[in-house]
Protein backbone atom coordinates (compact mmCIF):
# COMPACT_ATOMS: atom_id res chain seq x y z
CA MET A 1 -11.00 40.25 28.74
CA VAL A 2 -8.47 40.81 26.35
CA THR A 3 -10.06 38.79 23.01
CA VAL A 4 -7.19 36.43 21.38
CA GLY A 5 -7.65 34.14 18.27
CA SER A 6 -10.61 31.97 17.15
CA PRO A 7 -14.13 32.49 18.03
CA ALA A 8 -14.20 29.07 19.71
CA SER A 9 -11.45 30.40 22.32
CA GLN A 10 -13.46 33.50 22.78
CA THR A 11 -16.60 31.74 23.94
CA ALA A 12 -14.50 29.30 25.93
CA LEU A 13 -12.81 32.22 27.73
CA ALA A 14 -16.27 33.58 27.88
CA LEU A 15 -17.74 30.67 29.33
CA VAL A 16 -14.98 30.34 31.97
CA GLN A 17 -15.59 33.43 33.59
CA GLN A 18 -19.16 33.25 33.56
CA LEU A 19 -18.38 29.94 35.21
CA TRP A 20 -16.39 31.89 37.95
CA LEU A 21 -19.02 34.41 38.20
CA GLY A 22 -21.78 31.89 38.76
CA GLY A 23 -19.55 30.65 42.10
CA VAL A 24 -17.75 27.83 40.56
CA ARG A 25 -14.19 27.57 41.92
CA ASP A 26 -13.39 23.72 41.34
CA VAL A 27 -13.59 22.30 37.69
CA VAL A 28 -12.77 18.92 36.55
CA LEU A 29 -11.46 18.40 32.95
CA SER A 30 -11.01 14.94 31.06
CA PRO A 31 -8.78 15.92 28.19
CA GLY A 32 -9.75 15.70 24.46
CA SER A 33 -9.71 17.77 21.36
CA ARG A 34 -12.98 19.28 20.76
CA SER A 35 -12.69 20.70 24.23
CA ALA A 36 -9.08 22.18 23.47
CA PRO A 37 -10.29 25.93 23.78
CA LEU A 38 -11.83 24.90 27.30
CA ALA A 39 -9.07 23.15 28.46
CA LEU A 40 -6.72 25.92 27.42
CA ALA A 41 -9.10 28.62 29.31
CA LEU A 42 -9.45 26.71 32.74
CA ASP A 43 -5.69 25.95 32.83
CA ALA A 44 -4.87 29.95 32.38
CA ALA A 45 -7.21 30.41 35.39
CA ASP A 46 -5.94 27.87 37.38
CA THR A 47 -2.73 29.22 36.48
CA ALA A 48 -3.97 32.59 38.01
CA GLY A 49 -5.38 30.86 41.14
CA ASP A 50 -8.60 31.92 40.47
CA LEU A 51 -9.95 28.33 39.82
CA ARG A 52 -8.86 25.14 41.12
CA LEU A 53 -8.43 22.62 37.66
CA HIS A 54 -8.69 18.65 38.50
CA VAL A 55 -7.38 16.55 35.46
CA ARG A 56 -8.65 13.08 35.22
CA VAL A 57 -8.70 10.55 32.18
CA ASP A 58 -11.73 8.70 32.89
CA GLU A 59 -15.08 10.36 32.43
CA ARG A 60 -16.86 8.65 34.67
CA SER A 61 -14.75 9.01 37.34
CA ALA A 62 -14.58 12.35 36.58
CA GLY A 63 -18.07 12.92 36.45
CA PHE A 64 -18.03 11.38 40.29
CA LEU A 65 -14.87 14.01 41.32
CA ALA A 66 -17.44 16.70 39.99
CA LEU A 67 -20.05 15.38 42.23
CA GLY A 68 -18.13 14.98 45.35
CA LEU A 69 -16.51 18.54 45.18
CA ALA A 70 -20.04 20.22 44.89
CA THR A 71 -21.00 17.80 48.17
CA GLY A 72 -17.89 18.92 49.97
CA SER A 73 -17.65 22.29 48.90
CA ARG A 74 -21.51 23.20 49.04
CA ARG A 75 -20.85 25.39 45.61
CA PRO A 76 -21.49 24.63 41.99
CA VAL A 77 -18.86 22.21 39.97
CA ALA A 78 -18.37 22.10 36.64
CA VAL A 79 -17.01 18.83 34.56
CA VAL A 80 -15.66 19.29 30.98
CA THR A 81 -15.60 16.73 28.77
CA THR A 82 -15.12 16.61 24.64
CA SER A 83 -17.46 15.03 22.19
CA GLY A 84 -19.05 11.63 21.77
CA THR A 85 -18.90 8.42 24.05
CA ALA A 86 -17.16 11.16 26.65
CA VAL A 87 -20.20 13.15 27.59
CA GLY A 88 -22.17 9.67 27.57
CA ASN A 89 -19.52 8.28 30.88
CA LEU A 90 -21.19 11.10 32.83
CA LEU A 91 -24.75 9.69 33.18
CA PRO A 92 -24.29 7.75 36.45
CA ALA A 93 -22.95 10.67 38.12
CA VAL A 94 -25.62 13.31 36.58
CA MET A 95 -28.39 10.86 37.55
CA GLU A 96 -27.11 10.37 41.50
CA ALA A 97 -26.54 14.61 41.48
CA HIS A 98 -30.38 15.08 40.45
CA HIS A 99 -32.03 12.45 42.65
CA SER A 100 -29.57 13.98 45.46
CA ALA A 101 -29.92 17.74 44.34
CA ARG A 102 -26.02 18.57 43.76
CA PRO A 103 -25.54 21.45 41.36
CA VAL A 104 -23.03 19.38 38.90
CA ILE A 105 -22.21 21.32 35.83
CA VAL A 106 -21.49 19.29 32.42
CA VAL A 107 -19.76 21.40 30.15
CA SER A 108 -19.72 19.48 27.05
CA ALA A 109 -17.89 20.30 24.00
CA ASP A 110 -19.82 19.71 20.43
CA ARG A 111 -19.26 19.72 16.84
CA PRO A 112 -21.27 22.51 15.19
CA ASP A 113 -25.03 21.49 14.73
CA ARG A 114 -24.58 21.23 10.60
CA LEU A 115 -22.37 18.15 11.48
CA ARG A 116 -25.01 16.18 13.41
CA GLY A 117 -26.41 13.28 11.49
CA SER A 118 -23.66 13.51 8.71
CA GLY A 119 -21.59 10.61 10.38
CA ALA A 120 -18.87 13.28 11.34
CA ASN A 121 -16.29 11.78 13.74
CA GLN A 122 -17.30 11.95 17.00
CA THR A 123 -20.31 13.24 16.45
CA THR A 124 -23.66 12.28 17.93
CA GLN A 125 -26.82 14.40 19.35
CA GLN A 126 -25.36 14.88 22.84
CA ALA A 127 -27.18 17.93 23.29
CA GLY A 128 -30.22 17.15 26.12
CA LEU A 129 -28.39 13.32 26.32
CA PHE A 130 -29.28 12.96 30.31
CA GLY A 131 -32.78 13.59 29.47
CA VAL A 132 -34.98 14.39 32.46
CA PHE A 133 -31.79 13.91 34.74
CA ALA A 134 -30.29 17.54 33.56
CA PRO A 135 -32.05 20.50 31.60
CA CYS A 136 -29.66 21.54 28.61
CA HIS A 137 -28.74 24.61 27.10
CA ASP A 138 -27.33 23.76 23.99
CA LEU A 139 -24.80 26.62 22.73
CA LEU A 140 -24.39 27.75 19.31
CA PRO A 141 -20.82 29.09 17.61
CA GLY A 142 -20.50 32.78 18.22
CA VAL A 143 -23.24 32.45 21.22
CA SER A 144 -24.10 35.75 22.33
CA PRO A 145 -22.76 36.92 25.55
CA ASP A 146 -26.08 37.89 26.86
CA GLU A 147 -27.21 34.13 25.87
CA LEU A 148 -24.21 32.38 27.88
CA ALA A 149 -24.59 34.62 30.94
CA VAL A 150 -28.06 33.54 31.23
CA ALA A 151 -27.33 30.14 30.87
CA VAL A 152 -24.58 29.89 33.13
CA LEU A 153 -26.35 31.63 35.58
CA THR A 154 -29.50 29.48 35.36
CA ALA A 155 -27.02 26.19 35.69
CA CYS A 156 -24.98 27.58 38.87
CA THR A 157 -28.10 28.57 40.78
CA ALA A 158 -30.12 25.01 39.83
CA HIS A 159 -31.09 22.32 42.47
CA GLY A 160 -28.99 19.86 40.75
CA PRO A 161 -27.14 18.93 37.56
CA SER A 162 -27.55 20.97 34.05
CA GLN A 163 -25.70 20.47 30.77
CA LEU A 164 -23.88 23.46 29.11
CA ASN A 165 -23.73 21.79 25.27
CA VAL A 166 -21.11 24.26 23.72
CA GLN A 167 -20.93 24.14 19.83
CA LEU A 168 -17.68 25.09 18.88
CA ASP A 169 -16.96 25.54 15.13
CA GLY A 170 -13.70 26.48 13.04
CA ASP A 171 -10.42 27.09 14.29
CA LEU A 172 -10.48 25.80 17.86
CA LEU A 173 -6.96 27.03 19.54
CA PRO A 174 -6.28 30.53 20.08
CA SER A 175 -3.48 32.52 18.61
CA GLY A 176 -0.23 34.14 19.81
CA PRO A 177 2.96 33.14 21.74
CA ASP A 178 1.41 32.70 24.85
CA PRO A 179 -2.52 31.93 25.06
CA SER A 180 -2.55 32.17 28.81
CA GLY A 181 -2.22 35.44 28.69
CA CYS A 182 -5.76 35.96 27.70
CA TRP A 183 -7.13 35.42 30.76
CA GLN A 184 -8.49 38.04 33.37
CA ARG A 185 -10.72 37.73 36.38
CA PRO A 186 -13.99 39.18 35.28
CA ARG A 187 -14.66 42.25 36.99
CA PRO A 188 -16.95 44.21 38.15
CA ALA A 189 -18.88 40.98 38.84
CA THR A 190 -22.51 41.11 37.13
CA ARG A 191 -24.13 39.11 40.18
CA SER A 192 -23.76 38.42 43.38
CA GLU A 193 -20.66 36.44 44.08
CA LEU A 194 -22.21 35.10 47.55
CA GLU A 195 -21.66 31.15 48.06
CA PRO A 196 -24.93 29.46 47.46
CA ASP A 197 -25.99 26.46 49.36
CA PRO A 198 -28.13 24.25 46.85
CA LEU A 199 -28.19 21.53 49.36
CA SER A 200 -30.24 23.02 51.93
CA LEU A 201 -33.84 22.71 51.85
CA PRO A 202 -35.68 24.98 49.81
CA ASP A 203 -38.31 27.56 51.29
CA ALA A 204 -41.08 27.13 50.22
CA GLY A 205 -42.04 30.77 51.42
CA ASN A 206 -44.98 30.05 53.67
CA ASP A 207 -45.27 29.23 57.43
CA PRO A 208 -44.35 25.90 58.47
CA GLU A 209 -47.21 24.24 59.68
CA THR A 210 -47.99 23.07 63.31
CA LEU A 211 -48.62 19.79 64.43
CA PRO A 212 -51.27 18.95 66.80
CA PRO A 213 -50.11 17.33 70.04
CA GLY A 214 -51.40 13.83 70.60
CA PRO A 215 -50.83 11.07 68.17
CA ARG A 216 -47.75 9.13 69.38
CA THR A 217 -45.11 10.81 66.66
CA VAL A 218 -41.82 9.36 65.20
CA VAL A 219 -39.16 11.55 63.04
CA VAL A 220 -37.64 9.76 60.21
CA ALA A 221 -34.76 11.48 59.28
CA GLY A 222 -33.11 10.20 55.64
CA ASP A 223 -30.30 11.32 53.86
CA GLU A 224 -29.66 15.31 53.65
CA ALA A 225 -32.40 15.93 56.25
CA GLY A 226 -30.15 18.39 58.01
CA PRO A 227 -30.81 19.44 61.72
CA ALA A 228 -34.47 20.69 61.24
CA ALA A 229 -35.27 17.04 61.56
CA ARG A 230 -33.32 16.85 64.97
CA LEU A 231 -34.82 20.06 66.16
CA LEU A 232 -38.21 18.97 65.36
CA ALA A 233 -37.40 15.58 67.16
CA GLU A 234 -36.47 17.82 70.48
CA ALA A 235 -39.20 19.96 70.42
CA GLY A 236 -41.93 17.12 70.19
CA ASP A 237 -39.83 14.59 72.42
CA TRP A 238 -40.14 12.63 69.89
CA PRO A 239 -38.08 9.31 68.74
CA LEU A 240 -35.39 10.36 66.07
CA PHE A 241 -34.63 7.98 63.31
CA ALA A 242 -32.02 9.10 61.62
CA GLU A 243 -29.64 7.96 58.95
CA PRO A 244 -25.76 8.20 58.93
CA THR A 245 -25.84 10.89 56.41
CA SER A 246 -28.91 12.70 57.12
CA GLY A 247 -27.18 15.25 59.48
CA ALA A 248 -29.70 14.52 62.19
CA ARG A 249 -28.08 11.78 64.12
CA ILE A 250 -27.49 13.85 66.63
CA GLY A 251 -27.99 14.51 70.46
CA ARG A 252 -30.65 12.24 72.88
CA GLN A 253 -33.18 12.07 70.54
CA ALA A 254 -31.49 10.24 68.02
CA LEU A 255 -31.86 6.19 68.10
CA ARG A 256 -28.85 3.90 67.08
CA THR A 257 -31.17 0.79 66.99
CA TYR A 258 -34.21 2.20 65.36
CA ARG A 259 -34.59 -0.26 62.42
CA LEU A 260 -34.09 -3.17 64.34
CA LEU A 261 -36.73 -1.81 66.96
CA LEU A 262 -38.90 -1.75 64.18
CA GLY A 263 -39.31 -5.48 64.40
CA THR A 264 -40.33 -5.66 67.79
CA ALA A 265 -44.17 -4.47 69.30
CA LEU A 266 -42.99 -0.69 69.41
CA ARG A 267 -43.53 -0.64 65.90
CA SER A 268 -47.53 -1.44 66.52
CA ARG A 269 -47.87 2.00 68.77
CA ILE A 270 -46.75 4.59 66.38
CA GLU A 271 -49.69 6.36 65.14
CA ARG A 272 -47.99 9.67 62.89
CA VAL A 273 -44.46 9.51 61.57
CA VAL A 274 -42.91 12.81 59.76
CA VAL A 275 -40.20 11.85 57.13
CA VAL A 276 -37.26 14.66 56.16
CA GLY A 277 -34.94 13.58 53.66
CA HIS A 278 -34.57 10.75 51.84
CA PRO A 279 -34.50 7.59 53.80
CA THR A 280 -32.94 4.56 51.81
CA LEU A 281 -31.21 2.09 54.08
CA SER A 282 -33.90 -0.25 55.91
CA ARG A 283 -37.09 -2.14 54.80
CA PRO A 284 -38.44 -1.92 58.07
CA VAL A 285 -38.48 2.60 57.74
CA THR A 286 -39.74 1.64 54.01
CA ALA A 287 -42.92 -0.36 55.56
CA LEU A 288 -42.91 2.45 58.42
CA ILE A 289 -43.67 5.33 55.64
CA SER A 290 -45.91 3.13 53.65
CA ASP A 291 -48.29 2.29 56.04
CA SER A 292 -51.75 3.60 55.18
CA SER A 293 -53.08 3.06 59.00
CA ILE A 294 -51.00 5.63 60.32
CA GLU A 295 -50.72 9.21 59.94
CA VAL A 296 -47.34 10.23 57.10
CA LEU A 297 -46.11 13.33 56.80
CA SER A 298 -43.54 14.03 54.27
CA VAL A 299 -41.24 16.77 53.77
CA ARG A 300 -40.40 18.06 49.92
CA GLY A 301 -36.59 18.11 49.68
CA PRO A 302 -34.53 20.11 47.73
CA ALA A 303 -34.99 17.70 44.46
CA GLY A 304 -38.48 18.57 44.33
CA VAL A 305 -39.35 15.21 45.30
CA ALA A 306 -41.11 14.09 48.67
CA THR A 307 -40.07 10.11 50.20
CA ASP A 308 -43.24 8.77 49.53
CA PRO A 309 -42.71 5.20 48.20
CA GLY A 310 -46.07 4.08 49.70
CA ARG A 311 -48.06 6.82 48.20
CA VAL A 312 -49.60 7.70 51.51
CA ALA A 313 -47.99 10.57 52.58
CA ARG A 314 -49.70 13.96 53.02
CA VAL A 315 -46.80 16.31 51.31
CA LEU A 316 -45.55 19.45 53.40
CA GLU A 317 -43.26 22.25 51.94
CA SER A 318 -41.44 22.44 54.91
CA VAL A 319 -40.65 20.74 58.06
CA PRO A 320 -43.22 21.07 60.74
CA ARG A 321 -43.26 22.57 64.45
CA ALA A 322 -44.17 20.70 67.46
CA ALA A 323 -47.39 22.66 69.10
CA SER A 324 -45.91 21.15 72.37
CA ARG A 325 -43.70 18.73 73.96
CA GLY A 326 -45.38 14.66 73.82
CA ASP A 327 -46.01 12.10 76.02
CA ASN A 328 -42.71 11.69 77.96
CA GLU A 329 -43.40 8.01 78.45
CA TRP A 330 -43.49 7.54 74.80
CA PHE A 331 -39.96 8.40 74.30
CA ALA A 332 -38.68 7.16 77.08
CA SER A 333 -40.29 3.65 76.42
CA TRP A 334 -38.22 3.67 72.67
CA GLN A 335 -34.91 5.68 74.82
CA ARG A 336 -35.07 2.48 77.19
CA ALA A 337 -35.21 -0.22 74.42
CA ASP A 338 -32.51 1.54 72.50
CA GLN A 339 -30.15 1.96 75.47
CA GLN A 340 -30.88 -2.35 76.31
CA LEU A 341 -30.30 -2.98 72.95
CA SER A 342 -27.21 -0.59 72.41
CA ALA A 343 -25.56 -2.90 74.87
CA LEU A 344 -26.62 -6.09 73.95
CA ILE A 345 -25.24 -5.59 70.56
CA ASP A 346 -22.07 -4.14 71.89
CA ASP A 347 -21.35 -7.17 74.15
CA SER A 348 -22.24 -9.45 71.34
CA VAL A 349 -19.82 -7.81 68.72
CA ALA A 350 -16.97 -7.86 71.43
CA ALA A 351 -17.51 -11.24 71.95
CA GLN A 352 -16.77 -11.77 68.00
CA HIS A 353 -13.55 -9.60 68.40
CA PHE A 354 -12.95 -8.61 64.36
CA SER A 355 -16.45 -8.48 62.60
CA PRO A 356 -17.83 -6.01 60.40
CA LEU A 357 -19.98 -4.54 63.09
CA ALA A 358 -17.11 -3.94 65.08
CA VAL A 359 -14.85 -2.00 62.25
CA ALA A 360 -18.10 0.03 61.87
CA ALA A 361 -17.84 0.94 65.45
CA VAL A 362 -14.65 2.12 65.03
CA VAL A 363 -15.25 4.14 62.04
CA GLY A 364 -17.85 5.56 63.86
CA ARG A 365 -16.33 6.78 67.08
CA ALA A 366 -13.49 8.29 64.73
CA VAL A 367 -15.83 10.85 63.54
CA ALA A 368 -14.89 13.27 66.17
CA ALA A 369 -15.10 16.88 66.12
CA ASP A 370 -14.45 18.34 62.47
CA THR A 371 -14.04 15.11 60.86
CA THR A 372 -15.51 14.23 57.14
CA LEU A 373 -16.69 10.91 56.70
CA VAL A 374 -18.05 9.22 53.48
CA VAL A 375 -19.72 6.27 53.63
CA GLY A 376 -20.20 3.79 50.56
CA SER A 377 -23.58 2.12 49.94
CA SER A 378 -24.27 -1.58 50.73
CA ASN A 379 -23.15 -2.89 53.93
CA PRO A 380 -20.72 -0.35 54.99
CA VAL A 381 -23.69 2.31 55.41
CA ARG A 382 -25.78 0.04 56.97
CA ASP A 383 -23.13 -1.33 59.92
CA LEU A 384 -22.60 1.86 60.84
CA ASP A 385 -26.14 2.71 60.95
CA VAL A 386 -26.39 -0.12 63.64
CA MET A 387 -23.52 0.90 65.45
CA ALA A 388 -22.53 4.76 65.16
CA THR A 389 -23.52 5.99 68.41
CA PRO A 390 -25.24 9.34 67.62
CA TRP A 391 -22.77 12.27 67.88
CA THR A 392 -22.57 15.29 69.86
CA PRO A 393 -24.00 18.65 68.71
CA HIS A 394 -22.04 21.56 67.25
CA GLN A 395 -19.02 20.01 66.50
CA ARG A 396 -19.05 20.26 62.67
CA ARG A 397 -18.90 16.46 61.67
CA PHE A 398 -19.64 15.98 57.96
CA VAL A 399 -20.94 12.26 56.91
CA VAL A 400 -22.33 12.23 53.65
CA GLY A 401 -22.83 9.42 51.16
CA ASN A 402 -24.46 9.07 47.41
CA ARG A 403 -27.70 7.86 48.73
CA GLY A 404 -29.73 9.62 45.84
CA LEU A 405 -29.55 6.74 43.94
CA ALA A 406 -27.63 4.37 46.78
CA GLY A 407 -25.19 3.13 44.02
CA ILE A 408 -21.55 1.83 44.73
CA ASP A 409 -20.29 3.27 41.55
CA GLY A 410 -18.07 6.34 41.29
CA MET A 411 -17.49 6.01 45.62
CA VAL A 412 -13.69 6.71 45.76
CA SER A 413 -13.79 9.53 43.11
CA THR A 414 -16.78 11.06 45.23
CA ALA A 415 -14.46 10.77 48.81
CA VAL A 416 -11.40 12.31 46.91
CA GLY A 417 -14.02 15.21 45.83
CA VAL A 418 -15.67 15.40 49.29
CA ALA A 419 -12.36 15.77 51.00
CA LEU A 420 -10.76 18.08 48.19
CA GLY A 421 -13.94 20.24 48.93
CA ARG A 422 -13.47 20.12 52.46
CA ALA A 423 -9.99 20.64 52.84
CA HIS A 424 -10.29 22.90 56.00
CA ALA A 425 -11.55 19.75 57.83
CA ALA A 426 -9.25 18.10 60.62
CA ARG A 427 -9.82 14.69 59.01
CA SER A 428 -11.05 13.36 55.97
CA ILE A 429 -12.15 9.40 56.10
CA ALA A 430 -14.31 6.81 53.44
CA PHE A 431 -15.72 3.90 54.72
CA VAL A 432 -16.40 1.25 51.40
CA GLY A 433 -16.47 -2.35 50.68
CA ASP A 434 -14.01 -4.39 48.17
CA LEU A 435 -16.61 -3.97 45.43
CA THR A 436 -17.10 -0.60 46.12
CA LEU A 437 -13.37 0.26 45.75
CA LEU A 438 -12.83 -2.25 42.65
CA HIS A 439 -15.58 -0.37 41.01
CA ASP A 440 -13.85 3.19 41.01
CA THR A 441 -10.39 2.28 41.05
CA ASN A 442 -10.07 5.04 38.51
CA GLY A 443 -10.79 7.05 41.53
CA LEU A 444 -7.08 6.38 42.47
CA LEU A 445 -5.85 7.66 39.12
CA ILE A 446 -4.36 10.92 39.58
CA GLY A 447 -1.52 12.69 37.66
CA PRO A 448 1.40 14.15 38.95
CA GLY A 449 0.73 18.08 39.76
CA GLN A 450 -3.29 17.11 40.37
CA PRO A 451 -4.65 18.11 43.49
CA ARG A 452 -4.83 15.07 46.48
CA PRO A 453 -6.55 15.11 49.24
CA ALA A 454 -5.52 14.03 52.88
CA LEU A 455 -8.12 10.86 52.64
CA THR A 456 -8.10 7.82 54.44
CA ILE A 457 -9.98 4.85 52.47
CA VAL A 458 -11.35 1.91 55.22
CA VAL A 459 -12.25 -1.12 52.65
CA LEU A 460 -14.43 -3.35 54.42
CA SER A 461 -12.79 -6.59 52.36
CA ASP A 462 -14.55 -9.87 51.92
CA ASP A 463 -14.05 -10.82 48.82
CA GLY A 464 -17.36 -9.93 47.26
CA GLY A 465 -21.02 -8.72 47.80
CA ALA A 466 -22.07 -9.89 51.20
CA ILE A 467 -25.37 -7.69 51.16
CA PHE A 468 -26.70 -10.26 49.38
CA ALA A 469 -26.42 -12.87 51.87
CA THR A 470 -28.68 -10.80 53.79
CA LEU A 471 -31.54 -10.43 50.94
CA GLU A 472 -33.97 -13.12 49.69
CA GLN A 473 -31.37 -14.64 47.60
CA GLY A 474 -29.07 -15.64 50.35
CA ASP A 475 -31.91 -18.20 51.37
CA GLY A 476 -30.42 -21.78 51.32
CA ARG A 477 -32.61 -22.73 48.05
CA PHE A 478 -30.20 -20.47 45.91
CA ALA A 479 -27.17 -21.75 47.63
CA HIS A 480 -25.85 -23.80 43.75
CA ALA A 481 -26.18 -19.89 42.37
CA PHE A 482 -24.96 -17.63 45.02
CA GLU A 483 -21.27 -17.33 44.85
CA ARG A 484 -21.34 -17.11 41.17
CA VAL A 485 -24.18 -14.59 40.38
CA PHE A 486 -24.42 -12.57 43.59
CA ALA A 487 -21.53 -13.14 45.90
CA THR A 488 -19.00 -12.72 42.84
CA PRO A 489 -15.62 -13.51 44.40
CA HIS A 490 -12.90 -11.51 42.95
CA GLY A 491 -9.78 -12.56 44.38
CA THR A 492 -7.80 -9.10 43.94
CA ASP A 493 -4.83 -8.12 45.30
CA LEU A 494 -5.47 -4.83 46.67
CA ALA A 495 -1.91 -4.38 48.20
CA ALA A 496 -0.69 -4.58 44.34
CA LEU A 497 -3.44 -2.69 42.88
CA CYS A 498 -2.85 0.44 45.36
CA ALA A 499 1.01 -0.14 44.49
CA ALA A 500 0.28 0.10 40.69
CA HIS A 501 -1.70 3.54 41.58
CA HIS A 502 1.44 4.73 44.10
CA THR A 503 -1.01 5.01 46.81
CA GLU A 504 -0.24 3.83 50.50
CA TYR A 505 -1.71 0.59 51.47
CA GLU A 506 -1.55 -1.22 54.77
CA ARG A 507 -3.60 -4.25 55.54
CA VAL A 508 -5.06 -3.70 59.34
CA THR A 509 -5.98 -7.15 61.14
CA ASP A 510 -6.67 -5.41 64.60
CA LEU A 511 -8.86 -3.16 65.94
CA SER A 512 -6.61 -1.11 68.30
CA ARG A 513 -4.43 -0.57 64.96
CA LEU A 514 -7.51 0.82 63.01
CA GLU A 515 -8.36 3.14 65.54
CA ALA A 516 -5.34 4.21 65.84
CA ALA A 517 -4.42 4.81 61.88
CA LEU A 518 -7.71 6.61 61.81
CA ALA A 519 -6.55 9.06 64.28
CA GLU A 520 -3.54 9.83 62.12
CA THR A 521 -3.87 12.14 58.71
CA PRO A 522 -1.91 10.76 55.86
CA ASP A 523 0.23 12.33 53.57
CA GLY A 524 -2.16 11.83 50.41
CA ILE A 525 -4.59 8.90 49.81
CA ARG A 526 -4.09 5.87 52.11
CA VAL A 527 -5.98 2.70 51.84
CA LEU A 528 -6.64 0.52 55.19
CA GLU A 529 -7.72 -2.91 53.78
CA VAL A 530 -9.26 -4.64 56.52
CA PRO A 531 -9.96 -8.17 55.87
CA VAL A 532 -13.58 -9.93 57.29
CA GLU A 533 -15.53 -12.82 56.84
CA ARG A 534 -18.84 -12.91 54.99
CA GLY A 535 -20.16 -16.61 55.51
CA GLY A 536 -21.75 -15.40 58.60
CA ARG A 537 -23.74 -12.26 57.39
CA ARG A 538 -27.09 -14.01 57.29
CA SER A 539 -27.18 -15.83 60.83
CA GLU A 540 -25.80 -12.07 62.24
CA ALA A 541 -28.97 -10.31 60.90
CA ALA A 542 -31.37 -12.59 62.00
CA GLY A 543 -28.98 -12.69 65.77
CA LEU A 544 -29.81 -8.96 66.22
CA ARG A 545 -33.28 -9.17 65.20
CA ASP A 546 -33.83 -11.62 67.87
CA LEU A 547 -31.76 -9.46 70.56
CA ALA A 548 -34.33 -6.63 69.96
CA GLN A 549 -37.11 -9.06 71.01
CA LEU A 550 -35.21 -8.85 74.32
CA VAL A 551 -35.59 -5.59 75.35
CA VAL A 552 -39.51 -4.97 74.88
CA THR A 553 -41.30 -4.83 78.13
CA PRO A 554 -45.14 -5.68 78.82
CA ASN A 555 -45.72 -1.56 78.44
CA ASP A 556 -44.02 -1.57 75.45
CA ARG A 557 -46.22 -4.31 73.60
CA HIS A 558 -49.54 -2.82 75.10
CA GLY A 559 -48.86 1.17 75.47
């Protein structure tokens, strides 16, 4: 490395080089003064073609963009901010990264330690700001190369977010007529440049447990469960309850209508459940895996947590094996009910013509081979869960969402990041609600010259928060306050909003047009607004539960 300029600029260059050695290839930057040497070093690395730099003016969106890039690329991704409140705006993304084990590295520029508590401008206690959500390395001015290398390597190989708080003192800018000339790709590499895969389940280093035959077993595959859940269900010939973002909603064992069938007599026959990943979509599943009267086994995930909301599970360090295939009639009874209920739901949805469930069905069918789908929280992911037929194996589909904490914030930026991280995919789609879009409109704020994905965003537009109608607060007793404090209608003109962001927009009111649009590859980001009614959500949910009761046979009730 050519050393040019101040100690601060040299530290910044060394840090960026260490990030590159750690496998970082995408960095998100929100501009600021204290972070100026980092910004210039990143610009130089981007100009040289060694890093891809994404500049965003809003730190909250920047954090979620980094989260999406880490999800899509399966690499560590850094997000760089200046000091002060800029760092605090990253907290929502860091929380999600912690709970979903995404390797997001916060590089926060800071004033020197001597200014903390002095009232100096934009100076606060930002080292360790994220607390339990991200370990912090507080790097002093003039940090040694070895200490810097260890801190960056630790962050790049973590199963979750980290903070590198970089104290920069003295002159911040490099000297010389061409500061960008100081960048050189570090050679030789001091550590393996092999791509890490922090999103896979950790290897506990021991042989997986073998489950004895006998108990009537189901496999619950939550977010990021991966193919191991599907392989377990296939080996045991057990029903597979796989959420759309599980990576396991594939093949014959996966049941489309599992959460509705859990409201029938079939549920009472379950004797053992194996939980893989982080299931979050339905209360029936939560009740099932919290049931102390059955055997519950939960596999510890990459974030170090085994999903066990009822505190009844025995925790496993790896996905178990099935000793042998189970009772053929056990799976057959669930499969038969699932096929019949799926047909009844499809007939009911077809009779309504244009409904949220019909839209979700079209989106599910659009997830063809080599397609990326980012699905938003609230109703979109639940509608998809009911309507998406399990997909065919070995076709490189990638379906993800922010299910660590299941918030609606940051989803546009997350989707942009995922699409950019998987630029090789044939098609990228996001499926979100209108409130989710409005919560992160700054995700559409992408400056000239910045990387832009080919991404179609389907917006299920019902002018408010329809999911609350299906919960307790949707009961008629609360009708006097429901619209104001839960539904929150907004009346926003999404066409005008997209125009303000120079984003292609289309209002789609026909399912055939939606299907055709999703088969297209846009030139950049495109928003498809699909207007639907939300008034019937509560009765629709009740109707689905009623349909489930129609497919249960006497044998299903008594076993």
